[in-house]
Amino acid sequence: MSKNRPITRKSGAEMAKGLSLSDWDAAGGLTHADVERLVDDELMPAGWQATVVLGLPPRKEAVSVRLDTDVLAWFRAQGPGYQTRINAVLRGFVDAKQKA
């Protein structure tokens, strides 16, 4: 909890004000074709279709794992979602071993 900060109420618009880095005016002027081209050219790497996996993801199980302090610090420094990234690295390792 932060020290001696009063609780205040704000609307969604007040909270969002100044937080967006998007140029909404420019985005509003894009045609559907422009958006499709941008997605194809900028966001989606070549061959992305081959990486699509259909079906439900495997169930998660809560476990306690002891990790080296520097390894955990590196993953945490990458920002929110560090546990998901650790799982993705482990998934990549398992997949590679299963293919070998």
N, C-alpha and C. Protein backbone atom coordinates (compact mmCIF):
# COMPACT_ATOMS: atom_id res chain seq x y z
N MET A 1 0.85 -1.17 0.00
CA MET A 1 0.00 0.00 0.00
C MET A 1 0.89 1.24 0.00
N SER A 2 0.54 2.25 -0.74
CA SER A 2 1.34 3.47 -0.77
C SER A 2 1.11 4.26 0.50
N LYS A 3 2.09 5.05 0.85
CA LYS A 3 2.07 5.77 2.12
C LYS A 3 1.18 7.01 2.06
N ASN A 4 0.19 7.06 2.91
CA ASN A 4 -0.65 8.24 3.13
C ASN A 4 -1.25 8.83 1.86
N ARG A 5 -1.60 8.01 0.90
CA ARG A 5 -2.26 8.52 -0.30
C ARG A 5 -3.75 8.34 -0.14
N PRO A 6 -4.52 9.41 -0.34
CA PRO A 6 -5.97 9.27 -0.19
C PRO A 6 -6.55 8.47 -1.34
N ILE A 7 -7.64 7.79 -1.08
CA ILE A 7 -8.34 7.06 -2.11
C ILE A 7 -9.20 8.05 -2.88
N THR A 8 -9.12 8.02 -4.19
CA THR A 8 -9.90 8.93 -5.03
C THR A 8 -10.71 8.14 -6.04
N ARG A 9 -11.74 8.77 -6.57
CA ARG A 9 -12.57 8.14 -7.60
C ARG A 9 -12.33 8.86 -8.91
N LYS A 10 -12.20 8.07 -9.98
CA LYS A 10 -12.03 8.64 -11.32
C LYS A 10 -12.86 7.82 -12.30
N SER A 11 -13.33 8.49 -13.33
CA SER A 11 -14.05 7.79 -14.38
C SER A 11 -13.04 7.08 -15.28
N GLY A 12 -13.54 6.17 -16.11
CA GLY A 12 -12.66 5.48 -17.05
C GLY A 12 -11.97 6.46 -17.98
N ALA A 13 -12.72 7.49 -18.43
CA ALA A 13 -12.14 8.49 -19.33
C ALA A 13 -11.02 9.26 -18.63
N GLU A 14 -11.22 9.59 -17.36
CA GLU A 14 -10.18 10.30 -16.61
C GLU A 14 -8.93 9.44 -16.45
N MET A 15 -9.14 8.16 -16.21
CA MET A 15 -8.00 7.26 -16.02
C MET A 15 -7.24 7.05 -17.33
N ALA A 16 -7.96 6.98 -18.44
CA ALA A 16 -7.33 6.73 -19.72
C ALA A 16 -6.66 7.97 -20.30
N LYS A 17 -7.07 9.15 -19.84
CA LYS A 17 -6.55 10.39 -20.41
C LYS A 17 -5.03 10.45 -20.26
N GLY A 18 -4.37 10.63 -21.38
CA GLY A 18 -2.92 10.78 -21.37
C GLY A 18 -2.15 9.46 -21.30
N LEU A 19 -2.85 8.34 -21.20
CA LEU A 19 -2.15 7.06 -21.08
C LEU A 19 -1.93 6.37 -22.42
N SER A 20 -2.73 6.71 -23.41
CA SER A 20 -2.64 6.02 -24.69
C SER A 20 -1.51 6.58 -25.54
N LEU A 21 -0.73 5.70 -26.12
CA LEU A 21 0.34 6.10 -27.03
C LEU A 21 -0.11 5.98 -28.48
N SER A 22 -1.38 5.59 -28.68
CA SER A 22 -1.91 5.39 -30.03
C SER A 22 -2.34 6.71 -30.65
N ASP A 23 -2.19 6.80 -31.94
CA ASP A 23 -2.68 7.94 -32.70
C ASP A 23 -4.06 7.56 -33.23
N TRP A 24 -5.09 7.80 -32.42
CA TRP A 24 -6.44 7.35 -32.75
C TRP A 24 -7.00 8.07 -33.97
N ASP A 25 -6.61 9.32 -34.19
CA ASP A 25 -7.08 10.04 -35.37
C ASP A 25 -6.58 9.37 -36.64
N ALA A 26 -5.28 9.01 -36.65
CA ALA A 26 -4.71 8.33 -37.81
C ALA A 26 -5.33 6.94 -37.97
N ALA A 27 -5.54 6.23 -36.87
CA ALA A 27 -6.11 4.90 -36.94
C ALA A 27 -7.55 4.95 -37.47
N GLY A 28 -8.29 5.98 -37.08
CA GLY A 28 -9.67 6.12 -37.54
C GLY A 28 -9.77 6.37 -39.03
N GLY A 29 -8.72 6.90 -39.63
CA GLY A 29 -8.73 7.18 -41.06
C GLY A 29 -8.29 6.01 -41.94
N LEU A 30 -7.90 4.89 -41.32
CA LEU A 30 -7.46 3.74 -42.10
C LEU A 30 -8.64 2.98 -42.68
N THR A 31 -8.48 2.51 -43.89
CA THR A 31 -9.50 1.64 -44.48
C THR A 31 -9.25 0.21 -44.03
N HIS A 32 -10.22 -0.65 -44.29
CA HIS A 32 -10.05 -2.07 -43.94
C HIS A 32 -8.85 -2.66 -44.68
N ALA A 33 -8.69 -2.26 -45.93
CA ALA A 33 -7.55 -2.76 -46.73
C ALA A 33 -6.22 -2.30 -46.13
N ASP A 34 -6.18 -1.05 -45.63
CA ASP A 34 -4.96 -0.54 -44.98
C ASP A 34 -4.62 -1.39 -43.76
N VAL A 35 -5.63 -1.69 -42.97
CA VAL A 35 -5.40 -2.49 -41.75
C VAL A 35 -4.90 -3.88 -42.12
N GLU A 36 -5.52 -4.51 -43.10
CA GLU A 36 -5.09 -5.84 -43.54
C GLU A 36 -3.63 -5.82 -44.00
N ARG A 37 -3.26 -4.78 -44.77
CA ARG A 37 -1.89 -4.67 -45.27
C ARG A 37 -0.91 -4.50 -44.11
N LEU A 38 -1.26 -3.65 -43.14
CA LEU A 38 -0.38 -3.42 -41.99
C LEU A 38 -0.20 -4.70 -41.18
N VAL A 39 -1.26 -5.43 -40.99
CA VAL A 39 -1.16 -6.68 -40.24
C VAL A 39 -0.25 -7.65 -40.99
N ASP A 40 -0.48 -7.77 -42.28
CA ASP A 40 0.34 -8.69 -43.07
C ASP A 40 1.80 -8.27 -43.10
N ASP A 41 2.06 -6.98 -43.28
CA ASP A 41 3.43 -6.49 -43.47
C ASP A 41 4.20 -6.31 -42.17
N GLU A 42 3.54 -5.87 -41.11
CA GLU A 42 4.27 -5.45 -39.92
C GLU A 42 4.13 -6.38 -38.72
N LEU A 43 2.96 -6.96 -38.55
CA LEU A 43 2.73 -7.69 -37.31
C LEU A 43 2.95 -9.19 -37.42
N MET A 44 2.65 -9.74 -38.56
CA MET A 44 2.69 -11.18 -38.68
C MET A 44 3.93 -11.62 -39.45
N PRO A 45 4.81 -12.38 -38.81
CA PRO A 45 6.01 -12.84 -39.51
C PRO A 45 5.65 -13.85 -40.59
N ALA A 46 6.50 -13.96 -41.57
CA ALA A 46 6.28 -14.93 -42.64
C ALA A 46 6.20 -16.33 -42.04
N GLY A 47 5.25 -17.12 -42.52
CA GLY A 47 5.11 -18.49 -42.04
C GLY A 47 4.38 -18.64 -40.73
N TRP A 48 3.73 -17.57 -40.25
CA TRP A 48 3.05 -17.66 -38.95
C TRP A 48 1.95 -18.71 -38.94
N GLN A 49 1.36 -18.99 -40.10
CA GLN A 49 0.28 -19.96 -40.15
C GLN A 49 0.73 -21.34 -39.68
N ALA A 50 1.98 -21.68 -39.93
CA ALA A 50 2.50 -22.99 -39.55
C ALA A 50 2.63 -23.14 -38.04
N THR A 51 2.58 -22.03 -37.30
CA THR A 51 2.75 -22.09 -35.85
C THR A 51 1.42 -22.19 -35.11
N VAL A 52 0.30 -22.12 -35.83
CA VAL A 52 -1.01 -22.17 -35.20
C VAL A 52 -1.27 -23.56 -34.64
N VAL A 53 -1.71 -23.61 -33.39
CA VAL A 53 -2.03 -24.87 -32.74
C VAL A 53 -3.52 -24.83 -32.41
N LEU A 54 -4.26 -25.81 -32.91
CA LEU A 54 -5.69 -25.88 -32.64
C LEU A 54 -5.94 -26.71 -31.39
N GLY A 55 -6.96 -26.33 -30.65
CA GLY A 55 -7.34 -27.08 -29.47
C GLY A 55 -7.12 -26.30 -28.20
N LEU A 56 -7.48 -26.91 -27.12
CA LEU A 56 -7.33 -26.27 -25.81
C LEU A 56 -5.90 -26.43 -25.31
N PRO A 57 -5.38 -25.42 -24.61
CA PRO A 57 -4.04 -25.57 -24.05
C PRO A 57 -4.06 -26.58 -22.91
N PRO A 58 -2.91 -27.18 -22.61
CA PRO A 58 -2.87 -28.13 -21.50
C PRO A 58 -3.23 -27.43 -20.19
N ARG A 59 -3.77 -28.20 -19.27
CA ARG A 59 -4.09 -27.67 -17.94
C ARG A 59 -2.82 -27.21 -17.25
N LYS A 60 -2.94 -26.18 -16.44
CA LYS A 60 -1.82 -25.71 -15.64
C LYS A 60 -1.91 -26.35 -14.25
N GLU A 61 -0.77 -26.53 -13.63
CA GLU A 61 -0.72 -27.06 -12.27
C GLU A 61 0.21 -26.18 -11.45
N ALA A 62 -0.26 -25.75 -10.30
CA ALA A 62 0.57 -24.93 -9.42
C ALA A 62 1.63 -25.81 -8.76
N VAL A 63 2.89 -25.40 -8.90
CA VAL A 63 3.99 -26.13 -8.29
C VAL A 63 4.95 -25.14 -7.65
N SER A 64 5.79 -25.64 -6.81
CA SER A 64 6.84 -24.82 -6.22
C SER A 64 8.16 -25.28 -6.83
N VAL A 65 8.86 -24.35 -7.49
CA VAL A 65 10.11 -24.67 -8.17
C VAL A 65 11.19 -23.74 -7.65
N ARG A 66 12.34 -24.29 -7.36
CA ARG A 66 13.46 -23.46 -6.92
C ARG A 66 14.30 -23.12 -8.14
N LEU A 67 14.41 -21.82 -8.42
CA LEU A 67 15.17 -21.33 -9.56
C LEU A 67 16.36 -20.52 -9.09
N ASP A 68 17.41 -20.48 -9.89
CA ASP A 68 18.55 -19.62 -9.56
C ASP A 68 18.07 -18.18 -9.51
N THR A 69 18.57 -17.43 -8.54
CA THR A 69 18.14 -16.06 -8.33
C THR A 69 18.33 -15.19 -9.56
N ASP A 70 19.47 -15.34 -10.24
CA ASP A 70 19.72 -14.50 -11.41
C ASP A 70 18.81 -14.85 -12.58
N VAL A 71 18.47 -16.12 -12.71
CA VAL A 71 17.56 -16.54 -13.78
C VAL A 71 16.17 -15.96 -13.54
N LEU A 72 15.67 -16.10 -12.32
CA LEU A 72 14.36 -15.55 -11.99
C LEU A 72 14.35 -14.03 -12.14
N ALA A 73 15.42 -13.37 -11.72
CA ALA A 73 15.50 -11.91 -11.84
C ALA A 73 15.44 -11.48 -13.30
N TRP A 74 16.09 -12.25 -14.18
CA TRP A 74 16.07 -11.90 -15.60
C TRP A 74 14.65 -12.00 -16.16
N PHE A 75 13.96 -13.10 -15.85
CA PHE A 75 12.59 -13.26 -16.34
C PHE A 75 11.69 -12.16 -15.78
N ARG A 76 11.81 -11.87 -14.51
CA ARG A 76 10.98 -10.82 -13.91
C ARG A 76 11.27 -9.46 -14.53
N ALA A 77 12.51 -9.21 -14.89
CA ALA A 77 12.90 -7.92 -15.47
C ALA A 77 12.27 -7.71 -16.85
N GLN A 78 11.80 -8.79 -17.48
CA GLN A 78 11.17 -8.67 -18.79
C GLN A 78 9.75 -8.14 -18.68
N GLY A 79 9.24 -8.02 -17.47
CA GLY A 79 7.91 -7.44 -17.26
C GLY A 79 6.87 -8.48 -16.89
N PRO A 80 5.62 -8.02 -16.80
CA PRO A 80 4.54 -8.92 -16.42
C PRO A 80 4.46 -10.12 -17.36
N GLY A 81 4.05 -11.24 -16.81
CA GLY A 81 3.94 -12.45 -17.60
C GLY A 81 5.19 -13.31 -17.54
N TYR A 82 6.06 -13.06 -16.58
CA TYR A 82 7.32 -13.81 -16.53
C TYR A 82 7.09 -15.31 -16.32
N GLN A 83 6.06 -15.69 -15.56
CA GLN A 83 5.80 -17.11 -15.35
C GLN A 83 5.36 -17.78 -16.66
N THR A 84 4.59 -17.06 -17.45
CA THR A 84 4.17 -17.58 -18.74
C THR A 84 5.38 -17.75 -19.65
N ARG A 85 6.32 -16.81 -19.60
CA ARG A 85 7.53 -16.93 -20.42
C ARG A 85 8.40 -18.10 -19.97
N ILE A 86 8.50 -18.30 -18.67
CA ILE A 86 9.27 -19.45 -18.16
C ILE A 86 8.62 -20.73 -18.67
N ASN A 87 7.29 -20.81 -18.62
CA ASN A 87 6.58 -21.99 -19.12
C ASN A 87 6.83 -22.18 -20.61
N ALA A 88 6.87 -21.08 -21.38
CA ALA A 88 7.10 -21.18 -22.82
C ALA A 88 8.50 -21.71 -23.12
N VAL A 89 9.48 -21.30 -22.34
CA VAL A 89 10.85 -21.81 -22.52
C VAL A 89 10.89 -23.30 -22.22
N LEU A 90 10.25 -23.70 -21.13
CA LEU A 90 10.21 -25.12 -20.79
C LEU A 90 9.44 -25.91 -21.84
N ARG A 91 8.35 -25.36 -22.36
CA ARG A 91 7.57 -26.02 -23.41
C ARG A 91 8.44 -26.21 -24.66
N GLY A 92 9.21 -25.20 -25.04
CA GLY A 92 10.10 -25.30 -26.19
C GLY A 92 11.14 -26.40 -26.00
N PHE A 93 11.67 -26.51 -24.80
CA PHE A 93 12.65 -27.54 -24.49
C PHE A 93 12.02 -28.94 -24.62
N VAL A 94 10.85 -29.10 -24.02
CA VAL A 94 10.15 -30.39 -24.07
C VAL A 94 9.82 -30.76 -25.50
N ASP A 95 9.29 -29.82 -26.28
CA ASP A 95 8.94 -30.09 -27.68
C ASP A 95 10.17 -30.51 -28.47
N ALA A 96 11.30 -29.82 -28.27
CA ALA A 96 12.53 -30.15 -28.98
C ALA A 96 13.02 -31.55 -28.60
N LYS A 97 12.93 -31.90 -27.33
CA LYS A 97 13.38 -33.23 -26.89
C LYS A 97 12.48 -34.34 -27.44
N GLN A 98 11.17 -34.04 -27.54
CA GLN A 98 10.24 -35.03 -28.05
C GLN A 98 10.44 -35.29 -29.54
N LYS A 99 10.90 -34.27 -30.27
CA LYS A 99 11.14 -34.42 -31.70
C LYS A 99 12.46 -35.12 -31.99
N ALA A 100 13.38 -35.07 -31.02
CA ALA A 100 14.72 -35.66 -31.23
C ALA A 100 14.70 -37.16 -31.16
